[in-house]
């Protein structure tokens, strides 16, 4: 049984930083790309960042470019999202997910291409 557990969310003032972690059990993620998504109240789940299986390629959404960094530690079966210069519009529940295909060369931005998801962690940025 594959389980993903996100942590590191919380309440932070605008301009602050948070580091989210996503620990995966039940599957070795070293052969899989990983993604972070977020969902604000009343909005659809949207792509935030993704990293390919090797860790050598990453992509982030335009809205967080230059502020958010995705990384992975395959030895710990964990993926991270470093969030800097946070803005109130970053407020959302953040989810991590595992790519449904192993060793995909390019990251995928579509929620449909991820088959395991965590329960989410709330990030609230106050102005």
Foldseek 3Di string as FASTA:
>chain_A
DKAKAKDFADEEAAQAKTKIKIFIPPDQQLFWKKFKWWDDPPGDIFGAKIAGNPRPDIDGDPVQPPFWDKGDDSVRNMIMIIGGRDDQVVWTWMKMFIFPDTNDPDTDGDPVRTDDMHPTDTHGYHD
